[in-house]
Structures are given as structure tokens and as C-alpha cells.
């Protein structure tokens, strides 16, 4: 039986009395199989699994994106029950940010470039709400998807710098049959854009192929990715292709001998898709 609570007090009370180890899976809602994989992994690892479903307004850089973000709580609850969640915390905005709330948590380092540059204030919203959720639940582990690799790096930096005693567990990206990374944003694509969006995975596969054939130069790997993306006329904009260190998010190259992340962000109309692969390691 999956319990639903909407107040901080009820959520804290549950977590304080839960069997340990306790896992936390933070989400924005509009859940899909990728989220279910996080919950199933948490269920496998821990005695109790808590999931937050909260459309956090402080991490949206455009009010239009916030307004149109889907909120299908009943469907989310059905998915979470099947995946094995013990409790779902689905608070109102006022419950998380009550009148008089003025404290923000800001991270630099891995939060500065790429998504941080494209979406000013986004990571401040993420780090603030994640800090609050970790303080409420005080879990032993928290689960995040590898698809949002920069968010993962920021959260890892956050808990290290603030000495928060929680293990951050990454879970591999779950993909559709054609390779597109599962995302709540996919539902906003038109049928034509959804068909075209498979090019994102093809572009990353091209990078993996180049790397597998011995290409170590960052500029050549990035050019190979762009060549595939630019072949798709329905892409409105390539925000970036980049090779970075997976921990610091500083520019990196496979030629350095360490694992690197290859990331891509593209836009189909108002919908922005992110994906990545690890090279090496």
C-alpha cells in the first residue's frame, strides 16, 4: 500500500519512523518508465522508499513552461504503487515555500555552464528544493537519473560541500525503442517532432562509434555529433554539444585518459531535449 501525504509534518513523521535504509526519489511528477526504474532500484536497495512529486516553481526559467507542465497525480500514484513506493509526498507550493521563505541554496562549479548558462536560476531552484527534501526525509540514499547528468553532478557537489549524510545513487537512462531518452518533455512534441527526435540518440551513437574507432579529439567528436543533428531539419536549434568531466563539468577530452561525458541539448520548437553518453571508464 502506497501512502499519499501532502504536508511536511506528515512526511517527516513517516520518514522518522520508517524502516532503514530509507531511499528518497525526488521527482517533478508526470512520471514515466524512467522514474519507475529509479523507484525499482531504490526498492531493491532499501527497506523503505519515499518519492516526492512536486512541480518546483523555482527551477523553471519560464512561467509558460511551469504552467504547461503536466500534473497527472492519479496516474503518477498508479505507477508508483506498481514500482514499489511506500510513501508519496505531493505538497502544494505553499507547503514547501511558506509565506516569509527567503533562504536559497546556490552552487557554482558544475552548475555554471551548459544548463546553468542556458537556464539562469535553474540550479539554484534545484539545490534549494533538494536540500529541503533531504532535510525533511533524512534518507540514507537519494536516487537520480543519469539523463540529467549536470543536475546529478550539482547534487553530488551539494551533499559533499554541505556534509549531508546521504548516498547519491545514479540510475542509467531508460530509452524508448528508437533510442530517445524517456522524458516528461517528450509528451510535448508533435508527432512529426517526436519522429524526428530519434536523431538525438543517433548523434550520440555516432560519437560512440567514432570513439570506438579510436577518435580522441574533442573537436572531431563534437563535429561528428553536429553533422548528424544538422541533417534533421526539424531541429530548431542546437543549444550545445560538449565534452566535460562528469564530476566538475569542466571541458574535458578522452585524450586525457579519464572517462568523459558527451552531452547534447537541442530544441524542437518550445521543447528542449537533453541526452548524454559516457566515453571511457
C-alpha atoms as a PDB file:
ATOM      1  CA  UNK A   1       0.000   0.000   0.000  1.00  0.00           C
ATOM      2  CA  UNK A   2       1.421   3.365  -1.067  1.00  0.00           C
ATOM      3  CA  UNK A   3       0.572   6.211   1.303  1.00  0.00           C
ATOM      4  CA  UNK A   4      -0.013   9.749  -0.002  1.00  0.00           C
ATOM      5  CA  UNK A   5       0.803  12.754   2.198  1.00  0.00           C
ATOM      6  CA  UNK A   6       0.708  16.445   1.408  1.00  0.00           C
ATOM      7  CA  UNK A   7       2.220  18.143   4.466  1.00  0.00           C
ATOM      8  CA  UNK A   8       5.818  18.446   5.591  1.00  0.00           C
ATOM      9  CA  UNK A   9       4.862  17.299   9.082  1.00  0.00           C
ATOM     10  CA  UNK A  10       3.263  14.060   7.903  1.00  0.00           C
ATOM     11  CA  UNK A  11       6.178  13.335   5.565  1.00  0.00           C
ATOM     12  CA  UNK A  12       8.765  13.942   8.281  1.00  0.00           C
ATOM     13  CA  UNK A  13       6.859  11.793  10.743  1.00  0.00           C
ATOM     14  CA  UNK A  14       6.700   8.894   8.299  1.00  0.00           C
ATOM     15  CA  UNK A  15      10.396   9.125   7.443  1.00  0.00           C
ATOM     16  CA  UNK A  16      11.465   9.381  11.088  1.00  0.00           C
ATOM     17  CA  UNK A  17       9.695   6.108  11.902  1.00  0.00           C
ATOM     18  CA  UNK A  18      10.451   4.269   8.645  1.00  0.00           C
ATOM     19  CA  UNK A  19      12.477   1.077   8.450  1.00  0.00           C
ATOM     20  CA  UNK A  20      16.041   1.718   7.374  1.00  0.00           C
ATOM     21  CA  UNK A  21      17.713   2.098   4.996  1.00  0.00           C
ATOM     22  CA  UNK A  22      15.395   4.779   3.628  1.00  0.00           C
ATOM     23  CA  UNK A  23      15.535   5.874  -0.021  1.00  0.00           C
ATOM     24  CA  UNK A  24      14.298   9.188  -1.433  1.00  0.00           C
ATOM     25  CA  UNK A  25      13.396   9.627  -5.101  1.00  0.00           C
ATOM     26  CA  UNK A  26      12.745  13.324  -5.869  1.00  0.00           C
ATOM     27  CA  UNK A  27      10.562  13.956  -8.957  1.00  0.00           C
ATOM     28  CA  UNK A  28       8.607  16.711 -10.665  1.00  0.00           C
ATOM     29  CA  UNK A  29       5.760  14.330 -11.436  1.00  0.00           C
ATOM     30  CA  UNK A  30       4.414  13.446 -14.908  1.00  0.00           C
ATOM     31  CA  UNK A  31       6.167  10.140 -14.331  1.00  0.00           C
ATOM     32  CA  UNK A  32       7.255   7.552 -16.880  1.00  0.00           C
ATOM     33  CA  UNK A  33       9.250   4.331 -17.032  1.00  0.00           C
ATOM     34  CA  UNK A  34      12.467   6.213 -16.337  1.00  0.00           C
ATOM     35  CA  UNK A  35      11.109   7.310 -12.963  1.00  0.00           C
ATOM     36  CA  UNK A  36       9.814   3.802 -12.323  1.00  0.00           C
ATOM     37  CA  UNK A  37      13.343   2.471 -12.818  1.00  0.00           C
ATOM     38  CA  UNK A  38      14.582   4.824 -10.075  1.00  0.00           C
ATOM     39  CA  UNK A  39      11.915   3.570  -7.689  1.00  0.00           C
ATOM     40  CA  UNK A  40      12.577  -0.070  -8.525  1.00  0.00           C
ATOM     41  CA  UNK A  41      16.291   0.379  -7.928  1.00  0.00           C
ATOM     42  CA  UNK A  42      15.578   2.103  -4.627  1.00  0.00           C
ATOM     43  CA  UNK A  43      13.166  -0.723  -3.721  1.00  0.00           C
ATOM     44  CA  UNK A  44      15.903  -3.264  -4.444  1.00  0.00           C
ATOM     45  CA  UNK A  45      18.465  -1.417  -2.328  1.00  0.00           C
ATOM     46  CA  UNK A  46      16.446  -0.132   0.632  1.00  0.00           C
ATOM     47  CA  UNK A  47      13.805  -1.180   3.152  1.00  0.00           C
ATOM     48  CA  UNK A  48      11.620   1.922   2.602  1.00  0.00           C
ATOM     49  CA  UNK A  49      11.128   4.066  -0.486  1.00  0.00           C
ATOM     50  CA  UNK A  50       9.836   7.644  -0.343  1.00  0.00           C
ATOM     51  CA  UNK A  51       9.032   9.595  -3.508  1.00  0.00           C
ATOM     52  CA  UNK A  52       8.369  13.319  -3.785  1.00  0.00           C
ATOM     53  CA  UNK A  53       6.064  14.581  -6.541  1.00  0.00           C
ATOM     54  CA  UNK A  54       6.432  18.343  -6.632  1.00  0.00           C
ATOM     55  CA  UNK A  55       6.425  20.722  -9.584  1.00  0.00           C
ATOM     56  CA  UNK A  56       9.044  23.025  -8.149  1.00  0.00           C
ATOM     57  CA  UNK A  57       8.431  26.552  -9.468  1.00  0.00           C
ATOM     58  CA  UNK A  58      11.881  27.866  -8.555  1.00  0.00           C
ATOM     59  CA  UNK A  59      13.656  25.644 -11.086  1.00  0.00           C
ATOM     60  CA  UNK A  60      11.579  26.731 -14.088  1.00  0.00           C
ATOM     61  CA  UNK A  61      13.139  29.609 -16.008  1.00  0.00           C
ATOM     62  CA  UNK A  62       9.964  30.385 -17.980  1.00  0.00           C
ATOM     63  CA  UNK A  63       6.491  30.804 -16.468  1.00  0.00           C
ATOM     64  CA  UNK A  64       4.974  29.263 -19.599  1.00  0.00           C
ATOM     65  CA  UNK A  65       6.932  26.032 -19.046  1.00  0.00           C
ATOM     66  CA  UNK A  66       5.765  25.921 -15.427  1.00  0.00           C
ATOM     67  CA  UNK A  67       2.123  26.477 -16.369  1.00  0.00           C
ATOM     68  CA  UNK A  68       2.068  23.785 -19.042  1.00  0.00           C
ATOM     69  CA  UNK A  69       3.947  21.166 -17.040  1.00  0.00           C
ATOM     70  CA  UNK A  70       1.526  18.227 -16.611  1.00  0.00           C
ATOM     71  CA  UNK A  71       0.313  17.247 -13.152  1.00  0.00           C
ATOM     72  CA  UNK A  72      -1.367  13.803 -13.512  1.00  0.00           C
ATOM     73  CA  UNK A  73      -1.181  12.800  -9.842  1.00  0.00           C
ATOM     74  CA  UNK A  74      -3.568   9.850 -10.100  1.00  0.00           C
ATOM     75  CA  UNK A  75      -1.564   8.317 -12.944  1.00  0.00           C
ATOM     76  CA  UNK A  76       1.663   9.025 -11.074  1.00  0.00           C
ATOM     77  CA  UNK A  77       0.316   7.268  -7.986  1.00  0.00           C
ATOM     78  CA  UNK A  78      -0.610   4.200 -10.040  1.00  0.00           C
ATOM     79  CA  UNK A  79       2.898   3.998 -11.484  1.00  0.00           C
ATOM     80  CA  UNK A  80       4.495   4.457  -8.064  1.00  0.00           C
ATOM     81  CA  UNK A  81       2.327   1.799  -6.459  1.00  0.00           C
ATOM     82  CA  UNK A  82       3.362  -0.664  -9.133  1.00  0.00           C
ATOM     83  CA  UNK A  83       7.044   0.283  -8.840  1.00  0.00           C
ATOM     84  CA  UNK A  84       7.037  -0.233  -5.063  1.00  0.00           C
ATOM     85  CA  UNK A  85       6.969   3.188  -3.397  1.00  0.00           C
ATOM     86  CA  UNK A  86       5.937   3.198   0.265  1.00  0.00           C
ATOM     87  CA  UNK A  87       5.019   6.880   0.517  1.00  0.00           C
ATOM     88  CA  UNK A  88       4.452   9.742  -1.908  1.00  0.00           C
ATOM     89  CA  UNK A  89       4.929  13.324  -0.750  1.00  0.00           C
ATOM     90  CA  UNK A  90       2.891  15.639  -3.008  1.00  0.00           C
ATOM     91  CA  UNK A  91       2.839  19.052  -1.331  1.00  0.00           C
ATOM     92  CA  UNK A  92       1.486  22.374  -2.508  1.00  0.00           C
ATOM     93  CA  UNK A  93       3.854  25.197  -3.376  1.00  0.00           C
ATOM     94  CA  UNK A  94       2.780  26.992  -0.186  1.00  0.00           C
ATOM     95  CA  UNK A  95       3.686  23.942   1.893  1.00  0.00           C
ATOM     96  CA  UNK A  96       7.252  23.879   0.548  1.00  0.00           C
ATOM     97  CA  UNK A  97       7.726  27.653   0.335  1.00  0.00           C
ATOM     98  CA  UNK A  98       5.543  29.149   3.066  1.00  0.00           C
ATOM     99  CA  UNK A  99       4.992  32.868   3.495  1.00  0.00           C
ATOM    100  CA  UNK A 100       8.224  34.546   4.531  1.00  0.00           C
ATOM    101  CA  UNK A 101      10.505  31.978   2.864  1.00  0.00           C
ATOM    102  CA  UNK A 102      13.746  33.744   1.887  1.00  0.00           C
ATOM    103  CA  UNK A 103      16.549  31.135   2.030  1.00  0.00           C
ATOM    104  CA  UNK A 104      18.187  29.930  -1.186  1.00  0.00           C
ATOM    105  CA  UNK A 105      20.961  27.379  -1.760  1.00  0.00           C
ATOM    106  CA  UNK A 106      23.335  28.179  -4.600  1.00  0.00           C
ATOM    107  CA  UNK A 107      26.061  26.040  -6.150  1.00  0.00           C
ATOM    108  CA  UNK A 108      28.779  27.208  -8.522  1.00  0.00           C
ATOM    109  CA  UNK A 109      31.323  24.766 -10.001  1.00  0.00           C
ATOM    110  CA  UNK A 110      29.373  22.184 -12.031  1.00  0.00           C
ATOM    111  CA  UNK A 111      26.286  24.424 -12.077  1.00  0.00           C
ATOM    112  CA  UNK A 112      27.872  27.275 -14.023  1.00  0.00           C
ATOM    113  CA  UNK A 113      27.968  26.216 -17.677  1.00  0.00           C
ATOM    114  CA  UNK A 114      25.689  24.495 -20.188  1.00  0.00           C
ATOM    115  CA  UNK A 115      22.273  24.141 -18.468  1.00  0.00           C
ATOM    116  CA  UNK A 116      23.315  26.707 -15.876  1.00  0.00           C
ATOM    117  CA  UNK A 117      24.094  29.222 -18.611  1.00  0.00           C
ATOM    118  CA  UNK A 118      21.039  28.353 -20.716  1.00  0.00           C
ATOM    119  CA  UNK A 119      18.606  28.449 -17.777  1.00  0.00           C
ATOM    120  CA  UNK A 120      19.648  31.131 -15.272  1.00  0.00           C
ATOM    121  CA  UNK A 121      18.432  30.327 -11.767  1.00  0.00           C
ATOM    122  CA  UNK A 122      17.526  26.742 -12.633  1.00  0.00           C
ATOM    123  CA  UNK A 123      20.142  25.041 -10.499  1.00  0.00           C
ATOM    124  CA  UNK A 124      19.537  27.384  -7.581  1.00  0.00           C
ATOM    125  CA  UNK A 125      15.950  26.130  -7.632  1.00  0.00           C
ATOM    126  CA  UNK A 126      17.140  22.532  -7.810  1.00  0.00           C
ATOM    127  CA  UNK A 127      19.669  22.807  -4.986  1.00  0.00           C
ATOM    128  CA  UNK A 128      17.236  24.673  -2.747  1.00  0.00           C
ATOM    129  CA  UNK A 129      14.414  22.149  -3.099  1.00  0.00           C
ATOM    130  CA  UNK A 130      16.743  19.127  -2.928  1.00  0.00           C
ATOM    131  CA  UNK A 131      18.288  20.484   0.274  1.00  0.00           C
ATOM    132  CA  UNK A 132      14.801  20.915   1.744  1.00  0.00           C
ATOM    133  CA  UNK A 133      13.703  17.409   0.740  1.00  0.00           C
ATOM    134  CA  UNK A 134      16.872  15.845   2.139  1.00  0.00           C
ATOM    135  CA  UNK A 135      16.381  17.763   5.388  1.00  0.00           C
ATOM    136  CA  UNK A 136      12.755  16.607   5.635  1.00  0.00           C
ATOM    137  CA  UNK A 137      13.357  12.927   4.867  1.00  0.00           C
ATOM    138  CA  UNK A 138      16.942  12.480   6.102  1.00  0.00           C
ATOM    139  CA  UNK A 139      17.293   9.462   3.796  1.00  0.00           C
ATOM    140  CA  UNK A 140      20.203   7.059   3.594  1.00  0.00           C
ATOM    141  CA  UNK A 141      20.222   7.291  -0.219  1.00  0.00           C
ATOM    142  CA  UNK A 142      18.696   9.523  -2.901  1.00  0.00           C
ATOM    143  CA  UNK A 143      18.175   8.402  -6.483  1.00  0.00           C
ATOM    144  CA  UNK A 144      18.663  10.496  -9.633  1.00  0.00           C
ATOM    145  CA  UNK A 145      18.669   9.666 -13.338  1.00  0.00           C
ATOM    146  CA  UNK A 146      21.826   9.783 -15.426  1.00  0.00           C
ATOM    147  CA  UNK A 147      19.919  11.547 -18.221  1.00  0.00           C
ATOM    148  CA  UNK A 148      20.069  14.806 -16.262  1.00  0.00           C
ATOM    149  CA  UNK A 149      23.811  14.423 -15.798  1.00  0.00           C
ATOM    150  CA  UNK A 150      24.555  18.023 -14.850  1.00  0.00           C
ATOM    151  CA  UNK A 151      21.860  18.002 -12.185  1.00  0.00           C
ATOM    152  CA  UNK A 152      23.394  14.795 -10.844  1.00  0.00           C
ATOM    153  CA  UNK A 153      26.837  16.429 -10.652  1.00  0.00           C
ATOM    154  CA  UNK A 154      25.387  19.508  -8.932  1.00  0.00           C
ATOM    155  CA  UNK A 155      23.551  17.421  -6.329  1.00  0.00           C
ATOM    156  CA  UNK A 156      26.673  15.374  -5.632  1.00  0.00           C
ATOM    157  CA  UNK A 157      28.648  18.591  -5.113  1.00  0.00           C
ATOM    158  CA  UNK A 158      25.888  19.938  -2.875  1.00  0.00           C
ATOM    159  CA  UNK A 159      25.861  16.997  -0.454  1.00  0.00           C
ATOM    160  CA  UNK A 160      29.664  16.862  -0.355  1.00  0.00           C
ATOM    161  CA  UNK A 161      30.095  20.566   0.331  1.00  0.00           C
ATOM    162  CA  UNK A 162      27.329  20.729   2.954  1.00  0.00           C
ATOM    163  CA  UNK A 163      28.282  17.428   4.645  1.00  0.00           C
ATOM    164  CA  UNK A 164      24.805  15.990   4.114  1.00  0.00           C
ATOM    165  CA  UNK A 165      24.988  12.313   5.126  1.00  0.00           C
ATOM    166  CA  UNK A 166      23.279  10.738   2.119  1.00  0.00           C
ATOM    167  CA  UNK A 167      24.475   8.497  -0.712  1.00  0.00           C
ATOM    168  CA  UNK A 168      23.604   9.863  -4.156  1.00  0.00           C
ATOM    169  CA  UNK A 169      22.820   6.963  -6.461  1.00  0.00           C
ATOM    170  CA  UNK A 170      22.732   7.419 -10.243  1.00  0.00           C
ATOM    171  CA  UNK A 171      20.464   5.185 -12.336  1.00  0.00           C
ATOM    172  CA  UNK A 172      21.044   4.599 -16.050  1.00  0.00           C
ATOM    173  CA  UNK A 173      18.926   6.400 -18.640  1.00  0.00           C
ATOM    174  CA  UNK A 174      15.861   4.475 -19.804  1.00  0.00           C
ATOM    175  CA  UNK A 175      15.188   4.770 -23.544  1.00  0.00           C
ATOM    176  CA  UNK A 176      12.298   4.304 -25.926  1.00  0.00           C
ATOM    177  CA  UNK A 177      12.543   1.566 -28.554  1.00  0.00           C
ATOM    178  CA  UNK A 178      14.071   4.044 -31.030  1.00  0.00           C
ATOM    179  CA  UNK A 179      16.674   5.237 -28.523  1.00  0.00           C
ATOM    180  CA  UNK A 180      15.087   8.524 -27.419  1.00  0.00           C
ATOM    181  CA  UNK A 181      15.713   9.089 -23.717  1.00  0.00           C
ATOM    182  CA  UNK A 182      12.482   8.927 -21.739  1.00  0.00           C
ATOM    183  CA  UNK A 183      11.485  12.372 -20.506  1.00  0.00           C
ATOM    184  CA  UNK A 184       8.346  14.167 -19.391  1.00  0.00           C
ATOM    185  CA  UNK A 185       9.151  16.661 -22.146  1.00  0.00           C
ATOM    186  CA  UNK A 186       8.623  14.073 -24.877  1.00  0.00           C
ATOM    187  CA  UNK A 187       4.850  14.334 -24.495  1.00  0.00           C
ATOM    188  CA  UNK A 188       5.053  17.974 -25.613  1.00  0.00           C
ATOM    189  CA  UNK A 189       6.496  17.006 -29.005  1.00  0.00           C
ATOM    190  CA  UNK A 190       4.256  16.994 -32.057  1.00  0.00           C
ATOM    191  CA  UNK A 191       4.033  13.610 -33.828  1.00  0.00           C
ATOM    192  CA  UNK A 192       6.380  14.916 -36.514  1.00  0.00           C
ATOM    193  CA  UNK A 193       8.902  16.214 -33.991  1.00  0.00           C
ATOM    194  CA  UNK A 194       8.665  13.007 -31.976  1.00  0.00           C
ATOM    195  CA  UNK A 195       9.611  11.002 -35.060  1.00  0.00           C
ATOM    196  CA  UNK A 196      12.466  13.396 -35.805  1.00  0.00           C
ATOM    197  CA  UNK A 197      13.722  13.371 -32.204  1.00  0.00           C
ATOM    198  CA  UNK A 198      15.301   9.952 -32.652  1.00  0.00           C
ATOM    199  CA  UNK A 199      18.149  11.870 -34.306  1.00  0.00           C
ATOM    200  CA  UNK A 200      19.395  12.832 -30.828  1.00  0.00           C
ATOM    201  CA  UNK A 201      20.275   9.233 -29.997  1.00  0.00           C
ATOM    202  CA  UNK A 202      21.677   8.692 -33.492  1.00  0.00           C
ATOM    203  CA  UNK A 203      24.018  11.627 -32.969  1.00  0.00           C
ATOM    204  CA  UNK A 204      25.293  10.174 -29.690  1.00  0.00           C
ATOM    205  CA  UNK A 205      25.651   6.737 -31.287  1.00  0.00           C
ATOM    206  CA  UNK A 206      27.804   8.349 -33.969  1.00  0.00           C
ATOM    207  CA  UNK A 207      30.050   9.773 -31.240  1.00  0.00           C
ATOM    208  CA  UNK A 208      30.334   6.370 -29.554  1.00  0.00           C
ATOM    209  CA  UNK A 209      31.232   4.842 -32.932  1.00  0.00           C
ATOM    210  CA  UNK A 210      33.928   7.463 -33.591  1.00  0.00           C
ATOM    211  CA  UNK A 211      35.347   6.937 -30.115  1.00  0.00           C
ATOM    212  CA  UNK A 212      35.294   3.171 -30.583  1.00  0.00           C
ATOM    213  CA  UNK A 213      37.336   3.591 -33.763  1.00  0.00           C
ATOM    214  CA  UNK A 214      39.990   5.496 -31.844  1.00  0.00           C
ATOM    215  CA  UNK A 215      38.967   9.134 -32.254  1.00  0.00           C
ATOM    216  CA  UNK A 216      40.062  11.030 -29.143  1.00  0.00           C
ATOM    217  CA  UNK A 217      39.945  14.644 -30.308  1.00  0.00           C
ATOM    218  CA  UNK A 218      37.108  16.584 -28.720  1.00  0.00           C
ATOM    219  CA  UNK A 219      36.646  18.805 -31.776  1.00  0.00           C
ATOM    220  CA  UNK A 220      36.236  15.795 -34.080  1.00  0.00           C
ATOM    221  CA  UNK A 221      33.763  14.079 -31.761  1.00  0.00           C
ATOM    222  CA  UNK A 222      31.715  17.257 -31.457  1.00  0.00           C
ATOM    223  CA  UNK A 223      31.796  17.760 -35.230  1.00  0.00           C
ATOM    224  CA  UNK A 224      30.578  14.210 -35.776  1.00  0.00           C
ATOM    225  CA  UNK A 225      27.646  14.792 -33.440  1.00  0.00           C
ATOM    226  CA  UNK A 226      26.719  18.112 -35.048  1.00  0.00           C
ATOM    227  CA  UNK A 227      26.866  16.590 -38.530  1.00  0.00           C
ATOM    228  CA  UNK A 228      24.133  14.095 -37.595  1.00  0.00           C
ATOM    229  CA  UNK A 229      22.000  16.675 -35.772  1.00  0.00           C
ATOM    230  CA  UNK A 230      22.230  19.161 -38.619  1.00  0.00           C
ATOM    231  CA  UNK A 231      20.860  16.531 -41.003  1.00  0.00           C
ATOM    232  CA  UNK A 232      17.472  16.836 -39.264  1.00  0.00           C
ATOM    233  CA  UNK A 233      15.615  19.945 -40.499  1.00  0.00           C
ATOM    234  CA  UNK A 234      13.005  19.813 -37.733  1.00  0.00           C
ATOM    235  CA  UNK A 235      15.602  20.749 -35.097  1.00  0.00           C
ATOM    236  CA  UNK A 236      15.113  24.463 -34.455  1.00  0.00           C
ATOM    237  CA  UNK A 237      18.328  24.957 -32.532  1.00  0.00           C
ATOM    238  CA  UNK A 238      21.308  23.054 -31.221  1.00  0.00           C
ATOM    239  CA  UNK A 239      21.936  24.606 -27.819  1.00  0.00           C
ATOM    240  CA  UNK A 240      25.184  22.746 -27.292  1.00  0.00           C
ATOM    241  CA  UNK A 241      27.267  19.656 -27.822  1.00  0.00           C
ATOM    242  CA  UNK A 242      30.008  19.323 -25.233  1.00  0.00           C
ATOM    243  CA  UNK A 243      32.601  17.044 -23.677  1.00  0.00           C
ATOM    244  CA  UNK A 244      33.006  17.510 -19.934  1.00  0.00           C
ATOM    245  CA  UNK A 245      34.416  15.953 -16.809  1.00  0.00           C
ATOM    246  CA  UNK A 246      31.478  14.087 -15.186  1.00  0.00           C
ATOM    247  CA  UNK A 247      32.271  15.487 -11.722  1.00  0.00           C
ATOM    248  CA  UNK A 248      33.354  19.093 -12.296  1.00  0.00           C
ATOM    249  CA  UNK A 249      31.654  19.686 -15.666  1.00  0.00           C
ATOM    250  CA  UNK A 250      34.798  21.462 -16.837  1.00  0.00           C
ATOM    251  CA  UNK A 251      35.678  20.887 -20.514  1.00  0.00           C
ATOM    252  CA  UNK A 252      37.445  17.549 -20.962  1.00  0.00           C
ATOM    253  CA  UNK A 253      38.698  15.201 -23.666  1.00  0.00           C
ATOM    254  CA  UNK A 254      39.055  11.413 -23.929  1.00  0.00           C
ATOM    255  CA  UNK A 255      42.661  12.090 -24.847  1.00  0.00           C
ATOM    256  CA  UNK A 256      43.244  12.963 -21.175  1.00  0.00           C
ATOM    257  CA  UNK A 257      42.768   9.277 -20.327  1.00  0.00           C
ATOM    258  CA  UNK A 258      39.784   9.697 -17.967  1.00  0.00           C
ATOM    259  CA  UNK A 259      36.077   8.976 -18.504  1.00  0.00           C
ATOM    260  CA  UNK A 260      34.214  11.928 -20.031  1.00  0.00           C
ATOM    261  CA  UNK A 261      30.596  12.841 -20.616  1.00  0.00           C
ATOM    262  CA  UNK A 262      29.392  13.778 -24.062  1.00  0.00           C
ATOM    263  CA  UNK A 263      26.273  15.930 -23.794  1.00  0.00           C
ATOM    264  CA  UNK A 264      23.785  17.336 -26.250  1.00  0.00           C
ATOM    265  CA  UNK A 265      20.858  19.760 -25.929  1.00  0.00           C
ATOM    266  CA  UNK A 266      18.539  20.575 -28.833  1.00  0.00           C
ATOM    267  CA  UNK A 267      15.225  22.321 -29.331  1.00  0.00           C
ATOM    268  CA  UNK A 268      12.187  21.206 -31.277  1.00  0.00           C
ATOM    269  CA  UNK A 269      10.005  24.303 -31.128  1.00  0.00           C
ATOM    270  CA  UNK A 270       9.465  25.094 -27.440  1.00  0.00           C
ATOM    271  CA  UNK A 271      10.567  21.624 -26.327  1.00  0.00           C
ATOM    272  CA  UNK A 272      14.156  21.166 -25.228  1.00  0.00           C
ATOM    273  CA  UNK A 273      15.676  17.674 -25.176  1.00  0.00           C
ATOM    274  CA  UNK A 274      18.822  16.616 -23.298  1.00  0.00           C
ATOM    275  CA  UNK A 275      20.868  13.438 -23.561  1.00  0.00           C
ATOM    276  CA  UNK A 276      24.367  12.158 -22.896  1.00  0.00           C
ATOM    277  CA  UNK A 277      26.720   9.201 -23.090  1.00  0.00           C
ATOM    278  CA  UNK A 278      29.846   8.292 -21.139  1.00  0.00           C
ATOM    279  CA  UNK A 279      33.038   7.712 -23.100  1.00  0.00           C
ATOM    280  CA  UNK A 280      35.715   5.611 -21.408  1.00  0.00           C
ATOM    281  CA  UNK A 281      35.825   4.182 -17.942  1.00  0.00           C
END
